[in-house]
Amino acid sequence: MDAKTEIFNRIRDALQLSQNAPAPEIPRNYRMEGEFAPGSAEVIAEMREKLEDYKAIVIETDESGLPQAITAALADVKSVVVPHGLNQKWIAAAKESGAKLSIDNPETGEILSHSELDAIQTVLTASRCGVSLSGTIMLDGEPDQGRRAITLVPDQHVLVLAAKEIYAVVPQAVAKLGAHPTRPTTWIAGPSATSDIELKRVDGVHGPRKLTVIIVR
């Protein structure tokens, strides 16, 4: 018997055993909800503190001030890409900044290549939800967030996060994402950075080097 056949036989045996055995009960003795309600002042303050500790730029505004906040966040940007499903008012605000605008649209086949994305300075997207305890923001691939590639290749990510979608602990956000379990998710905790090599911080290794989060009350 060759090695390949033996490996597949072992996989079949393991699958058969796993299907016959009852699924083990998973303990759920951790916190399922936070002390404060989603979007409360305490949750927003904690989220801001964690993001700024990660060296992200945080802007707080309300719905009426959001277009101006987007334009200001893109003031020094030369080029920006947006997903095709982004709010049209946000796209108009991006144009107001003077940056060259590109729209990535998989539905029509107008997809930017990796080299084209690499030449674009910034990406502007919405988000699905966030967790204040860890300062994490989640994307789930909806049309207002776009393909994962457009949020990983450009050097800067300007991200709009609704205050009401900021939860205190991870299980609350996971429950939100669980409503659509087949969507691909990206979890962002500040600008991309690593200290794996000689404990020296290197920015922009696995994603955008700069992160600006606009929290909308």
C-alpha atoms as a PDB file:
ATOM      1  CA  MET A   1       0.000   0.000   0.000  1.00  0.00           C
ATOM      2  CA  ASP A   2       1.419   3.404  -0.964  1.00  0.00           C
ATOM      3  CA  ALA A   3       1.458   6.365   1.425  1.00  0.00           C
ATOM      4  CA  LYS A   4      -1.352   8.232  -0.355  1.00  0.00           C
ATOM      5  CA  THR A   5      -3.758   5.286  -0.093  1.00  0.00           C
ATOM      6  CA  GLU A   6      -2.905   4.779   3.563  1.00  0.00           C
ATOM      7  CA  ILE A   7      -3.561   8.457   4.346  1.00  0.00           C
ATOM      8  CA  PHE A   8      -6.973   8.372   2.651  1.00  0.00           C
ATOM      9  CA  ASN A   9      -7.884   5.133   4.439  1.00  0.00           C
ATOM     10  CA  ARG A  10      -7.080   6.722   7.791  1.00  0.00           C
ATOM     11  CA  ILE A  11      -9.178   9.775   6.906  1.00  0.00           C
ATOM     12  CA  ARG A  12     -12.143   7.534   5.977  1.00  0.00           C
ATOM     13  CA  ASP A  13     -11.820   5.585   9.228  1.00  0.00           C
ATOM     14  CA  ALA A  14     -11.651   8.797  11.282  1.00  0.00           C
ATOM     15  CA  LEU A  15     -14.691  10.270   9.519  1.00  0.00           C
ATOM     16  CA  GLN A  16     -16.672   7.097  10.069  1.00  0.00           C
ATOM     17  CA  LEU A  17     -15.871   7.078  13.779  1.00  0.00           C
ATOM     18  CA  SER A  18     -16.704  10.767  14.158  1.00  0.00           C
ATOM     19  CA  GLN A  19     -20.091  10.309  12.493  1.00  0.00           C
ATOM     20  CA  ASN A  20     -21.025   7.350  14.686  1.00  0.00           C
ATOM     21  CA  ALA A  21     -19.948   8.870  17.996  1.00  0.00           C
ATOM     22  CA  PRO A  22     -22.223  11.408  19.744  1.00  0.00           C
ATOM     23  CA  ALA A  23     -21.009  14.986  19.544  1.00  0.00           C
ATOM     24  CA  PRO A  24     -19.365  16.088  22.805  1.00  0.00           C
ATOM     25  CA  GLU A  25     -21.113  18.821  24.752  1.00  0.00           C
ATOM     26  CA  ILE A  26     -19.248  22.120  24.513  1.00  0.00           C
ATOM     27  CA  PRO A  27     -19.042  24.039  27.806  1.00  0.00           C
ATOM     28  CA  ARG A  28     -20.415  27.583  27.599  1.00  0.00           C
ATOM     29  CA  ASN A  29     -19.363  28.883  31.009  1.00  0.00           C
ATOM     30  CA  TYR A  30     -17.890  32.121  29.684  1.00  0.00           C
ATOM     31  CA  ARG A  31     -19.538  35.550  29.541  1.00  0.00           C
ATOM     32  CA  MET A  32     -22.209  35.695  26.848  1.00  0.00           C
ATOM     33  CA  GLU A  33     -23.092  39.375  27.369  1.00  0.00           C
ATOM     34  CA  GLY A  34     -21.265  42.443  28.585  1.00  0.00           C
ATOM     35  CA  GLU A  35     -22.116  44.670  31.510  1.00  0.00           C
ATOM     36  CA  PHE A  36     -23.097  47.539  29.211  1.00  0.00           C
ATOM     37  CA  ALA A  37     -25.498  47.600  26.271  1.00  0.00           C
ATOM     38  CA  PRO A  38     -24.256  47.619  22.653  1.00  0.00           C
ATOM     39  CA  GLY A  39     -23.518  51.147  21.501  1.00  0.00           C
ATOM     40  CA  SER A  40     -23.615  52.605  25.017  1.00  0.00           C
ATOM     41  CA  ALA A  41     -21.223  55.390  26.002  1.00  0.00           C
ATOM     42  CA  GLU A  42     -19.160  52.953  28.074  1.00  0.00           C
ATOM     43  CA  VAL A  43     -18.798  50.487  25.195  1.00  0.00           C
ATOM     44  CA  ILE A  44     -17.857  53.223  22.712  1.00  0.00           C
ATOM     45  CA  ALA A  45     -15.269  54.648  25.140  1.00  0.00           C
ATOM     46  CA  GLU A  46     -13.692  51.224  25.639  1.00  0.00           C
ATOM     47  CA  MET A  47     -13.654  50.600  21.885  1.00  0.00           C
ATOM     48  CA  ARG A  48     -11.931  53.912  21.273  1.00  0.00           C
ATOM     49  CA  GLU A  49      -9.365  53.243  23.988  1.00  0.00           C
ATOM     50  CA  LYS A  50      -8.459  49.829  22.555  1.00  0.00           C
ATOM     51  CA  LEU A  51      -8.252  51.075  18.960  1.00  0.00           C
ATOM     52  CA  GLU A  52      -6.050  54.024  19.887  1.00  0.00           C
ATOM     53  CA  ASP A  53      -3.838  51.681  21.901  1.00  0.00           C
ATOM     54  CA  TYR A  54      -3.416  49.727  18.651  1.00  0.00           C
ATOM     55  CA  LYS A  55      -2.362  53.018  16.993  1.00  0.00           C
ATOM     56  CA  ALA A  56      -5.547  53.398  14.948  1.00  0.00           C
ATOM     57  CA  ILE A  57      -7.073  56.826  14.302  1.00  0.00           C
ATOM     58  CA  VAL A  58     -10.600  57.116  15.711  1.00  0.00           C
ATOM     59  CA  ILE A  59     -13.203  59.693  14.642  1.00  0.00           C
ATOM     60  CA  GLU A  60     -16.607  59.947  16.342  1.00  0.00           C
ATOM     61  CA  THR A  61     -19.553  61.554  14.592  1.00  0.00           C
ATOM     62  CA  ASP A  62     -23.286  61.248  13.977  1.00  0.00           C
ATOM     63  CA  GLU A  63     -25.159  60.427  10.768  1.00  0.00           C
ATOM     64  CA  SER A  64     -25.334  64.052   9.643  1.00  0.00           C
ATOM     65  CA  GLY A  65     -21.602  64.563  10.126  1.00  0.00           C
ATOM     66  CA  LEU A  66     -20.516  61.284   8.517  1.00  0.00           C
ATOM     67  CA  PRO A  67     -19.967  62.601   4.949  1.00  0.00           C
ATOM     68  CA  GLN A  68     -17.745  65.384   6.273  1.00  0.00           C
ATOM     69  CA  ALA A  69     -15.845  62.882   8.439  1.00  0.00           C
ATOM     70  CA  ILE A  70     -15.210  60.654   5.413  1.00  0.00           C
ATOM     71  CA  THR A  71     -13.998  63.588   3.323  1.00  0.00           C
ATOM     72  CA  ALA A  72     -11.690  64.695   6.149  1.00  0.00           C
ATOM     73  CA  ALA A  73     -10.306  61.166   6.629  1.00  0.00           C
ATOM     74  CA  LEU A  74      -9.406  61.078   2.916  1.00  0.00           C
ATOM     75  CA  ALA A  75      -8.068  64.644   2.759  1.00  0.00           C
ATOM     76  CA  ASP A  76      -4.463  63.653   2.040  1.00  0.00           C
ATOM     77  CA  VAL A  77      -5.282  60.557  -0.002  1.00  0.00           C
ATOM     78  CA  LYS A  78      -4.460  60.429  -3.705  1.00  0.00           C
ATOM     79  CA  SER A  79      -6.413  57.268  -4.608  1.00  0.00           C
ATOM     80  CA  VAL A  80      -9.189  55.264  -2.965  1.00  0.00           C
ATOM     81  CA  VAL A  81     -11.116  52.090  -3.787  1.00  0.00           C
ATOM     82  CA  VAL A  82     -14.657  51.406  -2.567  1.00  0.00           C
ATOM     83  CA  PRO A  83     -16.881  48.307  -2.771  1.00  0.00           C
ATOM     84  CA  HIS A  84     -19.771  48.582  -5.222  1.00  0.00           C
ATOM     85  CA  GLY A  85     -22.413  48.290  -2.492  1.00  0.00           C
ATOM     86  CA  LEU A  86     -21.170  51.188  -0.397  1.00  0.00           C
ATOM     87  CA  ASN A  87     -23.675  53.890   0.555  1.00  0.00           C
ATOM     88  CA  GLN A  88     -23.869  56.378  -2.321  1.00  0.00           C
ATOM     89  CA  LYS A  89     -23.579  59.352   0.045  1.00  0.00           C
ATOM     90  CA  TRP A  90     -20.312  57.907   1.344  1.00  0.00           C
ATOM     91  CA  ILE A  91     -19.034  57.465  -2.205  1.00  0.00           C
ATOM     92  CA  ALA A  92     -19.941  61.090  -2.958  1.00  0.00           C
ATOM     93  CA  ALA A  93     -18.045  62.158   0.185  1.00  0.00           C
ATOM     94  CA  ALA A  94     -15.000  60.194  -1.017  1.00  0.00           C
ATOM     95  CA  LYS A  95     -15.154  62.032  -4.356  1.00  0.00           C
ATOM     96  CA  GLU A  96     -15.302  65.350  -2.478  1.00  0.00           C
ATOM     97  CA  SER A  97     -11.885  64.603  -1.017  1.00  0.00           C
ATOM     98  CA  GLY A  98     -10.324  64.898  -4.479  1.00  0.00           C
ATOM     99  CA  ALA A  99      -8.897  61.372  -4.402  1.00  0.00           C
ATOM    100  CA  LYS A 100      -9.016  59.295  -7.565  1.00  0.00           C
ATOM    101  CA  LEU A 101     -11.927  56.882  -7.013  1.00  0.00           C
ATOM    102  CA  SER A 102     -12.103  53.253  -8.151  1.00  0.00           C
ATOM    103  CA  ILE A 103     -15.087  50.930  -7.607  1.00  0.00           C
ATOM    104  CA  ASP A 104     -14.587  47.178  -7.231  1.00  0.00           C
ATOM    105  CA  ASN A 105     -17.651  45.260  -8.447  1.00  0.00           C
ATOM    106  CA  PRO A 106     -17.508  41.440  -8.628  1.00  0.00           C
ATOM    107  CA  GLU A 107     -21.155  41.308  -9.719  1.00  0.00           C
ATOM    108  CA  THR A 108     -20.333  42.950 -13.064  1.00  0.00           C
ATOM    109  CA  GLY A 109     -16.854  41.473 -13.366  1.00  0.00           C
ATOM    110  CA  GLU A 110     -15.192  44.851 -12.789  1.00  0.00           C
ATOM    111  CA  ILE A 111     -12.633  43.447 -10.366  1.00  0.00           C
ATOM    112  CA  LEU A 112      -9.369  45.227  -9.695  1.00  0.00           C
ATOM    113  CA  SER A 113      -6.268  43.045  -9.962  1.00  0.00           C
ATOM    114  CA  HIS A 114      -3.842  42.725  -7.056  1.00  0.00           C
ATOM    115  CA  SER A 115      -1.342  44.945  -8.881  1.00  0.00           C
ATOM    116  CA  GLU A 116      -4.048  47.578  -9.435  1.00  0.00           C
ATOM    117  CA  LEU A 117      -5.024  47.404  -5.753  1.00  0.00           C
ATOM    118  CA  ASP A 118      -1.376  47.666  -4.751  1.00  0.00           C
ATOM    119  CA  ALA A 119      -1.188  51.009  -6.584  1.00  0.00           C
ATOM    120  CA  ILE A 120      -4.213  52.357  -4.652  1.00  0.00           C
ATOM    121  CA  GLN A 121      -3.450  54.119  -1.396  1.00  0.00           C
ATOM    122  CA  THR A 122      -6.667  53.657   0.595  1.00  0.00           C
ATOM    123  CA  VAL A 123      -9.839  51.558   0.845  1.00  0.00           C
ATOM    124  CA  LEU A 124     -13.117  52.863   2.280  1.00  0.00           C
ATOM    125  CA  THR A 125     -15.684  50.332   3.559  1.00  0.00           C
ATOM    126  CA  ALA A 126     -18.489  49.742   6.008  1.00  0.00           C
ATOM    127  CA  SER A 127     -18.279  46.992   8.658  1.00  0.00           C
ATOM    128  CA  ARG A 128     -20.604  44.465  10.269  1.00  0.00           C
ATOM    129  CA  CYS A 129     -19.854  44.833  13.996  1.00  0.00           C
ATOM    130  CA  GLY A 130     -17.160  45.339  16.624  1.00  0.00           C
ATOM    131  CA  VAL A 131     -16.090  44.172  20.106  1.00  0.00           C
ATOM    132  CA  SER A 132     -14.988  46.778  22.630  1.00  0.00           C
ATOM    133  CA  LEU A 133     -13.287  44.290  24.984  1.00  0.00           C
ATOM    134  CA  SER A 134     -10.671  43.447  22.352  1.00  0.00           C
ATOM    135  CA  GLY A 135     -10.955  46.451  20.023  1.00  0.00           C
ATOM    136  CA  THR A 136     -11.832  44.103  17.171  1.00  0.00           C
ATOM    137  CA  ILE A 137     -13.900  44.987  14.088  1.00  0.00           C
ATOM    138  CA  MET A 138     -15.537  42.320  11.932  1.00  0.00           C
ATOM    139  CA  LEU A 139     -16.303  42.362   8.206  1.00  0.00           C
ATOM    140  CA  ASP A 140     -18.477  39.690   6.579  1.00  0.00           C
ATOM    141  CA  GLY A 141     -18.130  40.322   2.866  1.00  0.00           C
ATOM    142  CA  GLU A 142     -21.407  42.164   2.296  1.00  0.00           C
ATOM    143  CA  PRO A 143     -21.505  44.458  -0.775  1.00  0.00           C
ATOM    144  CA  ASP A 144     -20.807  47.528   1.401  1.00  0.00           C
ATOM    145  CA  GLN A 145     -17.604  45.842   2.635  1.00  0.00           C
ATOM    146  CA  GLY A 146     -16.432  44.189  -0.553  1.00  0.00           C
ATOM    147  CA  ARG A 147     -14.006  41.417  -1.330  1.00  0.00           C
ATOM    148  CA  ARG A 148     -11.383  40.552   1.273  1.00  0.00           C
ATOM    149  CA  ALA A 149      -8.615  41.534  -1.170  1.00  0.00           C
ATOM    150  CA  ILE A 150      -9.630  45.196  -1.330  1.00  0.00           C
ATOM    151  CA  THR A 151      -9.402  45.468   2.473  1.00  0.00           C
ATOM    152  CA  LEU A 152      -5.986  43.789   2.707  1.00  0.00           C
ATOM    153  CA  VAL A 153      -3.889  45.172  -0.164  1.00  0.00           C
ATOM    154  CA  PRO A 154      -4.130  49.008   0.073  1.00  0.00           C
ATOM    155  CA  ASP A 155      -1.878  50.722   2.615  1.00  0.00           C
ATOM    156  CA  GLN A 156      -4.712  52.414   4.524  1.00  0.00           C
ATOM    157  CA  HIS A 157      -8.216  51.317   5.522  1.00  0.00           C
ATOM    158  CA  VAL A 158     -10.873  53.911   6.392  1.00  0.00           C
ATOM    159  CA  LEU A 159     -13.672  51.982   8.035  1.00  0.00           C
ATOM    160  CA  VAL A 160     -17.162  53.110   9.086  1.00  0.00           C
ATOM    161  CA  LEU A 161     -18.501  51.404  12.228  1.00  0.00           C
ATOM    162  CA  ALA A 162     -22.033  51.956  13.548  1.00  0.00           C
ATOM    163  CA  ALA A 163     -21.994  52.574  17.312  1.00  0.00           C
ATOM    164  CA  LYS A 164     -25.077  50.380  17.793  1.00  0.00           C
ATOM    165  CA  GLU A 165     -23.118  47.456  16.332  1.00  0.00           C
ATOM    166  CA  ILE A 166     -20.317  47.693  18.913  1.00  0.00           C
ATOM    167  CA  TYR A 167     -20.729  44.882  21.451  1.00  0.00           C
ATOM    168  CA  ALA A 168     -19.024  44.477  24.802  1.00  0.00           C
ATOM    169  CA  VAL A 169     -17.815  40.869  24.388  1.00  0.00           C
ATOM    170  CA  VAL A 170     -16.987  38.465  21.558  1.00  0.00           C
ATOM    171  CA  PRO A 171     -19.975  36.039  21.910  1.00  0.00           C
ATOM    172  CA  GLN A 172     -22.394  38.893  21.188  1.00  0.00           C
ATOM    173  CA  ALA A 173     -20.606  39.733  17.937  1.00  0.00           C
ATOM    174  CA  VAL A 174     -20.294  36.064  16.977  1.00  0.00           C
ATOM    175  CA  ALA A 175     -24.065  35.702  17.414  1.00  0.00           C
ATOM    176  CA  LYS A 176     -24.490  38.627  15.011  1.00  0.00           C
ATOM    177  CA  LEU A 177     -22.165  37.028  12.460  1.00  0.00           C
ATOM    178  CA  GLY A 178     -23.861  33.662  13.005  1.00  0.00           C
ATOM    179  CA  ALA A 179     -27.001  34.937  11.298  1.00  0.00           C
ATOM    180  CA  HIS A 180     -25.083  34.421   8.021  1.00  0.00           C
ATOM    181  CA  PRO A 181     -22.620  31.596   8.774  1.00  0.00           C
ATOM    182  CA  THR A 182     -21.515  31.042   5.166  1.00  0.00           C
ATOM    183  CA  ARG A 183     -20.132  34.555   4.654  1.00  0.00           C
ATOM    184  CA  PRO A 184     -16.340  34.967   4.796  1.00  0.00           C
ATOM    185  CA  THR A 185     -15.282  37.038   7.787  1.00  0.00           C
ATOM    186  CA  THR A 186     -12.282  39.273   8.418  1.00  0.00           C
ATOM    187  CA  TRP A 187     -11.428  40.313  11.975  1.00  0.00           C
ATOM    188  CA  ILE A 188      -9.424  43.519  12.344  1.00  0.00           C
ATOM    189  CA  ALA A 189      -7.690  44.584  15.558  1.00  0.00           C
ATOM    190  CA  GLY A 190      -5.876  47.790  14.664  1.00  0.00           C
ATOM    191  CA  PRO A 191      -3.417  48.378  11.813  1.00  0.00           C
ATOM    192  CA  SER A 192      -1.610  45.270  10.586  1.00  0.00           C
ATOM    193  CA  ALA A 193       1.633  44.678  12.485  1.00  0.00           C
ATOM    194  CA  THR A 194       3.882  41.845  13.623  1.00  0.00           C
ATOM    195  CA  SER A 195       6.791  41.461  16.033  1.00  0.00           C
ATOM    196  CA  ASP A 196       7.595  37.854  15.162  1.00  0.00           C
ATOM    197  CA  ILE A 197      11.111  38.575  13.868  1.00  0.00           C
ATOM    198  CA  GLU A 198      13.584  39.598  16.596  1.00  0.00           C
ATOM    199  CA  LEU A 199      10.659  41.221  18.479  1.00  0.00           C
ATOM    200  CA  LYS A 200      10.849  44.252  16.195  1.00  0.00           C
ATOM    201  CA  ARG A 201       7.501  45.756  15.201  1.00  0.00           C
ATOM    202  CA  VAL A 202       6.887  45.797  11.451  1.00  0.00           C
ATOM    203  CA  ASP A 203       3.734  47.510  10.150  1.00  0.00           C
ATOM    204  CA  GLY A 204       1.665  46.508   7.150  1.00  0.00           C
ATOM    205  CA  VAL A 205       2.731  42.871   6.858  1.00  0.00           C
ATOM    206  CA  HIS A 206      -0.674  41.159   6.675  1.00  0.00           C
ATOM    207  CA  GLY A 207      -2.899  44.089   5.743  1.00  0.00           C
ATOM    208  CA  PRO A 208      -3.189  47.897   5.800  1.00  0.00           C
ATOM    209  CA  ARG A 209      -0.445  49.736   7.709  1.00  0.00           C
ATOM    210  CA  LYS A 210      -2.872  52.510   8.692  1.00  0.00           C
ATOM    211  CA  LEU A 211      -6.386  52.213  10.076  1.00  0.00           C
ATOM    212  CA  THR A 212      -8.939  54.996  10.521  1.00  0.00           C
ATOM    213  CA  VAL A 213     -12.203  54.077  12.218  1.00  0.00           C
ATOM    214  CA  ILE A 214     -15.210  56.400  11.976  1.00  0.00           C
ATOM    215  CA  ILE A 215     -17.660  55.524  14.752  1.00  0.00           C
ATOM    216  CA  VAL A 216     -21.181  56.711  13.879  1.00  0.00           C
ATOM    217  CA  ARG A 217     -23.542  57.349  16.774  1.00  0.00           C
END
